[in-house]
Protein backbone atom coordinates (compact mmCIF):
# COMPACT_ATOMS: atom_id res chain seq x y z
CA UNK A 1 0.00 0.00 0.00
CA UNK A 2 3.07 2.25 0.09
CA UNK A 3 2.42 2.95 -3.59
CA UNK A 4 -1.00 4.46 -2.85
CA UNK A 5 0.30 7.48 -0.93
CA UNK A 6 3.19 7.93 -3.36
CA UNK A 7 0.81 7.81 -6.32
CA UNK A 8 -1.48 10.33 -4.66
CA UNK A 9 1.49 12.70 -4.40
CA UNK A 10 2.40 12.11 -8.05
CA UNK A 11 -1.14 12.94 -9.15
CA UNK A 12 -1.33 16.09 -7.02
CA UNK A 13 2.06 17.29 -8.29
CA UNK A 14 1.29 16.77 -11.98
CA UNK A 15 -2.16 18.34 -11.67
CA UNK A 16 -0.65 21.42 -9.99
CA UNK A 17 2.03 21.66 -12.67
CA UNK A 18 -0.54 21.21 -15.43
CA UNK A 19 -2.68 24.02 -14.04
CA UNK A 20 0.35 26.32 -13.88
CA UNK A 21 1.26 25.61 -17.51
CA UNK A 22 -2.26 25.72 -19.02
CA UNK A 23 -2.25 22.02 -19.90
CA UNK A 24 -5.51 20.42 -21.01
CA UNK A 25 -4.48 16.75 -20.81
CA UNK A 26 -1.63 14.77 -19.28
CA UNK A 27 -0.50 11.89 -21.49
CA UNK A 28 2.55 10.34 -19.83
CA UNK A 29 4.54 10.77 -16.64
CA UNK A 30 8.21 9.76 -16.44
CA UNK A 31 9.47 8.75 -13.02
CA UNK A 32 13.02 8.14 -11.80
CA UNK A 33 12.85 5.36 -9.22
CA UNK A 34 15.82 3.93 -7.35
CA UNK A 35 15.94 0.16 -7.16
CA UNK A 36 16.15 0.22 -3.36
CA UNK A 37 12.94 2.05 -2.58
CA UNK A 38 10.68 -0.95 -3.22
CA UNK A 39 8.08 0.83 -5.34
CA UNK A 40 6.41 -1.38 -7.93
CA UNK A 41 5.59 0.19 -11.30
CA UNK A 42 2.48 -1.95 -11.79
CA UNK A 43 0.94 -0.77 -8.52
CA UNK A 44 1.79 2.86 -9.20
CA UNK A 45 0.00 2.62 -12.56
CA UNK A 46 -2.95 0.81 -11.01
CA UNK A 47 -3.44 3.39 -8.25
CA UNK A 48 -2.86 6.24 -10.70
CA UNK A 49 -5.63 4.91 -12.95
CA UNK A 50 -8.02 4.77 -10.01
CA UNK A 51 -7.08 8.15 -8.49
CA UNK A 52 -6.90 10.09 -11.75
CA UNK A 53 -10.37 9.13 -12.96
CA UNK A 54 -12.32 12.27 -13.97
CA UNK A 55 -9.18 14.44 -14.03
CA UNK A 56 -7.05 15.74 -16.90
CA UNK A 57 -4.60 12.95 -16.07
CA UNK A 58 -7.11 10.13 -16.65
CA UNK A 59 -5.56 7.52 -18.94
CA UNK A 60 -2.01 8.84 -18.56
CA UNK A 61 0.73 6.24 -18.66
CA UNK A 62 3.36 6.01 -15.96
CA UNK A 63 6.83 5.21 -17.27
CA UNK A 64 9.27 4.13 -14.58
CA UNK A 65 13.00 4.51 -15.21
CA UNK A 66 14.92 2.40 -12.67
CA UNK A 67 18.10 3.82 -11.22
CA UNK A 68 20.66 1.31 -9.94
CA UNK A 69 22.23 1.36 -6.51
CA UNK A 70 25.28 3.59 -6.54
CA UNK A 71 28.23 3.62 -4.21
CA UNK A 72 31.11 6.02 -3.64
CA UNK A 73 34.54 4.81 -2.60
CA UNK A 74 36.02 7.04 0.11
CA UNK A 75 39.54 5.82 -0.67
CA UNK A 76 39.77 6.76 -4.37
CA UNK A 77 36.54 8.72 -5.06
CA UNK A 78 35.19 6.25 -7.62
CA UNK A 79 31.40 6.31 -8.03
CA UNK A 80 30.04 2.98 -9.25
CA UNK A 81 26.74 1.13 -9.71
CA UNK A 82 26.29 -2.16 -7.92
CA UNK A 83 23.58 -4.81 -8.01
CA UNK A 84 23.19 -5.60 -4.33
CA UNK A 85 21.39 -8.86 -5.07
CA UNK A 86 24.48 -10.32 -6.72
CA UNK A 87 27.18 -9.45 -4.15
CA UNK A 88 27.75 -10.19 -0.49
CA UNK A 89 30.36 -7.46 0.07
CA UNK A 90 30.75 -3.97 -1.41
CA UNK A 91 34.21 -3.45 -2.87
CA UNK A 92 35.43 -0.65 -5.13
CA UNK A 93 36.06 -1.92 -8.67
CA UNK A 94 38.91 0.59 -9.15
CA UNK A 95 41.04 0.30 -6.01
CA UNK A 96 39.49 -2.76 -4.34
CA UNK A 97 38.78 -0.57 -1.30
CA UNK A 98 36.09 -1.46 1.20
CA UNK A 99 35.51 2.06 2.54
CA UNK A 100 32.40 2.64 0.39
CA UNK A 101 29.01 4.14 1.11
CA UNK A 102 25.65 4.05 -0.60
CA UNK A 103 25.03 7.31 -2.47
CA UNK A 104 22.15 6.42 -4.81
CA UNK A 105 19.41 3.95 -5.45
CA UNK A 106 16.66 5.12 -3.12
CA UNK A 107 15.65 8.23 -5.05
CA UNK A 108 12.17 8.86 -6.37
CA UNK A 109 11.08 11.85 -8.40
CA UNK A 110 9.02 12.97 -11.36
CA UNK A 111 11.46 13.54 -14.23
CA UNK A 112 8.94 15.08 -16.61
CA UNK A 113 5.54 14.64 -18.18
CA UNK A 114 4.08 14.70 -21.65
CA UNK A 115 0.99 16.82 -22.03
CA UNK A 116 -1.13 18.78 -24.50
C-alpha atoms as a PDB file:
ATOM      1  CA  UNK A   1       0.000   0.000   0.000  1.00  0.00           C
ATOM      2  CA  UNK A   2       3.066   2.252   0.091  1.00  0.00           C
ATOM      3  CA  UNK A   3       2.424   2.953  -3.589  1.00  0.00           C
ATOM      4  CA  UNK A   4      -1.004   4.457  -2.851  1.00  0.00           C
ATOM      5  CA  UNK A   5       0.297   7.479  -0.929  1.00  0.00           C
ATOM      6  CA  UNK A   6       3.187   7.934  -3.356  1.00  0.00           C
ATOM      7  CA  UNK A   7       0.805   7.809  -6.318  1.00  0.00           C
ATOM      8  CA  UNK A   8      -1.480  10.335  -4.662  1.00  0.00           C
ATOM      9  CA  UNK A   9       1.486  12.704  -4.399  1.00  0.00           C
ATOM     10  CA  UNK A  10       2.398  12.112  -8.053  1.00  0.00           C
ATOM     11  CA  UNK A  11      -1.137  12.945  -9.153  1.00  0.00           C
ATOM     12  CA  UNK A  12      -1.328  16.093  -7.023  1.00  0.00           C
ATOM     13  CA  UNK A  13       2.055  17.289  -8.288  1.00  0.00           C
ATOM     14  CA  UNK A  14       1.294  16.773 -11.983  1.00  0.00           C
ATOM     15  CA  UNK A  15      -2.156  18.342 -11.668  1.00  0.00           C
ATOM     16  CA  UNK A  16      -0.653  21.420  -9.991  1.00  0.00           C
ATOM     17  CA  UNK A  17       2.033  21.658 -12.668  1.00  0.00           C
ATOM     18  CA  UNK A  18      -0.538  21.212 -15.430  1.00  0.00           C
ATOM     19  CA  UNK A  19      -2.678  24.016 -14.039  1.00  0.00           C
ATOM     20  CA  UNK A  20       0.349  26.316 -13.880  1.00  0.00           C
ATOM     21  CA  UNK A  21       1.259  25.614 -17.507  1.00  0.00           C
ATOM     22  CA  UNK A  22      -2.259  25.715 -19.023  1.00  0.00           C
ATOM     23  CA  UNK A  23      -2.252  22.017 -19.899  1.00  0.00           C
ATOM     24  CA  UNK A  24      -5.507  20.417 -21.015  1.00  0.00           C
ATOM     25  CA  UNK A  25      -4.481  16.747 -20.811  1.00  0.00           C
ATOM     26  CA  UNK A  26      -1.629  14.775 -19.283  1.00  0.00           C
ATOM     27  CA  UNK A  27      -0.500  11.890 -21.493  1.00  0.00           C
ATOM     28  CA  UNK A  28       2.548  10.340 -19.830  1.00  0.00           C
ATOM     29  CA  UNK A  29       4.537  10.775 -16.635  1.00  0.00           C
ATOM     30  CA  UNK A  30       8.210   9.764 -16.445  1.00  0.00           C
ATOM     31  CA  UNK A  31       9.469   8.753 -13.015  1.00  0.00           C
ATOM     32  CA  UNK A  32      13.023   8.140 -11.796  1.00  0.00           C
ATOM     33  CA  UNK A  33      12.852   5.361  -9.221  1.00  0.00           C
ATOM     34  CA  UNK A  34      15.822   3.927  -7.348  1.00  0.00           C
ATOM     35  CA  UNK A  35      15.938   0.158  -7.162  1.00  0.00           C
ATOM     36  CA  UNK A  36      16.154   0.221  -3.362  1.00  0.00           C
ATOM     37  CA  UNK A  37      12.935   2.050  -2.576  1.00  0.00           C
ATOM     38  CA  UNK A  38      10.678  -0.949  -3.220  1.00  0.00           C
ATOM     39  CA  UNK A  39       8.077   0.833  -5.343  1.00  0.00           C
ATOM     40  CA  UNK A  40       6.412  -1.383  -7.932  1.00  0.00           C
ATOM     41  CA  UNK A  41       5.588   0.189 -11.301  1.00  0.00           C
ATOM     42  CA  UNK A  42       2.483  -1.946 -11.785  1.00  0.00           C
ATOM     43  CA  UNK A  43       0.941  -0.767  -8.524  1.00  0.00           C
ATOM     44  CA  UNK A  44       1.788   2.862  -9.204  1.00  0.00           C
ATOM     45  CA  UNK A  45       0.003   2.617 -12.560  1.00  0.00           C
ATOM     46  CA  UNK A  46      -2.948   0.809 -11.006  1.00  0.00           C
ATOM     47  CA  UNK A  47      -3.441   3.393  -8.254  1.00  0.00           C
ATOM     48  CA  UNK A  48      -2.863   6.237 -10.698  1.00  0.00           C
ATOM     49  CA  UNK A  49      -5.628   4.905 -12.953  1.00  0.00           C
ATOM     50  CA  UNK A  50      -8.022   4.766 -10.006  1.00  0.00           C
ATOM     51  CA  UNK A  51      -7.081   8.147  -8.489  1.00  0.00           C
ATOM     52  CA  UNK A  52      -6.900  10.094 -11.753  1.00  0.00           C
ATOM     53  CA  UNK A  53     -10.366   9.134 -12.964  1.00  0.00           C
ATOM     54  CA  UNK A  54     -12.319  12.268 -13.973  1.00  0.00           C
ATOM     55  CA  UNK A  55      -9.179  14.441 -14.027  1.00  0.00           C
ATOM     56  CA  UNK A  56      -7.055  15.745 -16.903  1.00  0.00           C
ATOM     57  CA  UNK A  57      -4.600  12.946 -16.069  1.00  0.00           C
ATOM     58  CA  UNK A  58      -7.106  10.132 -16.653  1.00  0.00           C
ATOM     59  CA  UNK A  59      -5.565   7.523 -18.941  1.00  0.00           C
ATOM     60  CA  UNK A  60      -2.012   8.840 -18.557  1.00  0.00           C
ATOM     61  CA  UNK A  61       0.729   6.235 -18.660  1.00  0.00           C
ATOM     62  CA  UNK A  62       3.362   6.014 -15.955  1.00  0.00           C
ATOM     63  CA  UNK A  63       6.833   5.215 -17.268  1.00  0.00           C
ATOM     64  CA  UNK A  64       9.273   4.134 -14.584  1.00  0.00           C
ATOM     65  CA  UNK A  65      13.002   4.513 -15.210  1.00  0.00           C
ATOM     66  CA  UNK A  66      14.915   2.404 -12.668  1.00  0.00           C
ATOM     67  CA  UNK A  67      18.101   3.816 -11.216  1.00  0.00           C
ATOM     68  CA  UNK A  68      20.663   1.307  -9.940  1.00  0.00           C
ATOM     69  CA  UNK A  69      22.226   1.365  -6.512  1.00  0.00           C
ATOM     70  CA  UNK A  70      25.281   3.589  -6.543  1.00  0.00           C
ATOM     71  CA  UNK A  71      28.234   3.625  -4.207  1.00  0.00           C
ATOM     72  CA  UNK A  72      31.114   6.023  -3.638  1.00  0.00           C
ATOM     73  CA  UNK A  73      34.544   4.811  -2.604  1.00  0.00           C
ATOM     74  CA  UNK A  74      36.023   7.038   0.108  1.00  0.00           C
ATOM     75  CA  UNK A  75      39.540   5.822  -0.673  1.00  0.00           C
ATOM     76  CA  UNK A  76      39.771   6.755  -4.375  1.00  0.00           C
ATOM     77  CA  UNK A  77      36.545   8.716  -5.057  1.00  0.00           C
ATOM     78  CA  UNK A  78      35.189   6.245  -7.619  1.00  0.00           C
ATOM     79  CA  UNK A  79      31.398   6.313  -8.031  1.00  0.00           C
ATOM     80  CA  UNK A  80      30.042   2.984  -9.253  1.00  0.00           C
ATOM     81  CA  UNK A  81      26.744   1.135  -9.713  1.00  0.00           C
ATOM     82  CA  UNK A  82      26.289  -2.160  -7.921  1.00  0.00           C
ATOM     83  CA  UNK A  83      23.580  -4.812  -8.006  1.00  0.00           C
ATOM     84  CA  UNK A  84      23.186  -5.598  -4.329  1.00  0.00           C
ATOM     85  CA  UNK A  85      21.393  -8.858  -5.069  1.00  0.00           C
ATOM     86  CA  UNK A  86      24.484 -10.317  -6.719  1.00  0.00           C
ATOM     87  CA  UNK A  87      27.177  -9.453  -4.146  1.00  0.00           C
ATOM     88  CA  UNK A  88      27.747 -10.188  -0.492  1.00  0.00           C
ATOM     89  CA  UNK A  89      30.356  -7.464   0.072  1.00  0.00           C
ATOM     90  CA  UNK A  90      30.752  -3.971  -1.410  1.00  0.00           C
ATOM     91  CA  UNK A  91      34.213  -3.455  -2.871  1.00  0.00           C
ATOM     92  CA  UNK A  92      35.427  -0.645  -5.134  1.00  0.00           C
ATOM     93  CA  UNK A  93      36.062  -1.925  -8.671  1.00  0.00           C
ATOM     94  CA  UNK A  94      38.911   0.587  -9.150  1.00  0.00           C
ATOM     95  CA  UNK A  95      41.037   0.296  -6.011  1.00  0.00           C
ATOM     96  CA  UNK A  96      39.494  -2.765  -4.337  1.00  0.00           C
ATOM     97  CA  UNK A  97      38.778  -0.570  -1.298  1.00  0.00           C
ATOM     98  CA  UNK A  98      36.095  -1.462   1.201  1.00  0.00           C
ATOM     99  CA  UNK A  99      35.508   2.062   2.536  1.00  0.00           C
ATOM    100  CA  UNK A 100      32.397   2.642   0.386  1.00  0.00           C
ATOM    101  CA  UNK A 101      29.014   4.145   1.109  1.00  0.00           C
ATOM    102  CA  UNK A 102      25.654   4.047  -0.595  1.00  0.00           C
ATOM    103  CA  UNK A 103      25.033   7.312  -2.466  1.00  0.00           C
ATOM    104  CA  UNK A 104      22.152   6.425  -4.806  1.00  0.00           C
ATOM    105  CA  UNK A 105      19.405   3.951  -5.450  1.00  0.00           C
ATOM    106  CA  UNK A 106      16.662   5.119  -3.121  1.00  0.00           C
ATOM    107  CA  UNK A 107      15.649   8.233  -5.051  1.00  0.00           C
ATOM    108  CA  UNK A 108      12.175   8.855  -6.374  1.00  0.00           C
ATOM    109  CA  UNK A 109      11.077  11.852  -8.403  1.00  0.00           C
ATOM    110  CA  UNK A 110       9.018  12.970 -11.365  1.00  0.00           C
ATOM    111  CA  UNK A 111      11.456  13.536 -14.229  1.00  0.00           C
ATOM    112  CA  UNK A 112       8.938  15.081 -16.610  1.00  0.00           C
ATOM    113  CA  UNK A 113       5.545  14.644 -18.178  1.00  0.00           C
ATOM    114  CA  UNK A 114       4.079  14.697 -21.650  1.00  0.00           C
ATOM    115  CA  UNK A 115       0.988  16.819 -22.028  1.00  0.00           C
ATOM    116  CA  UNK A 116      -1.126  18.779 -24.500  1.00  0.00           C
END
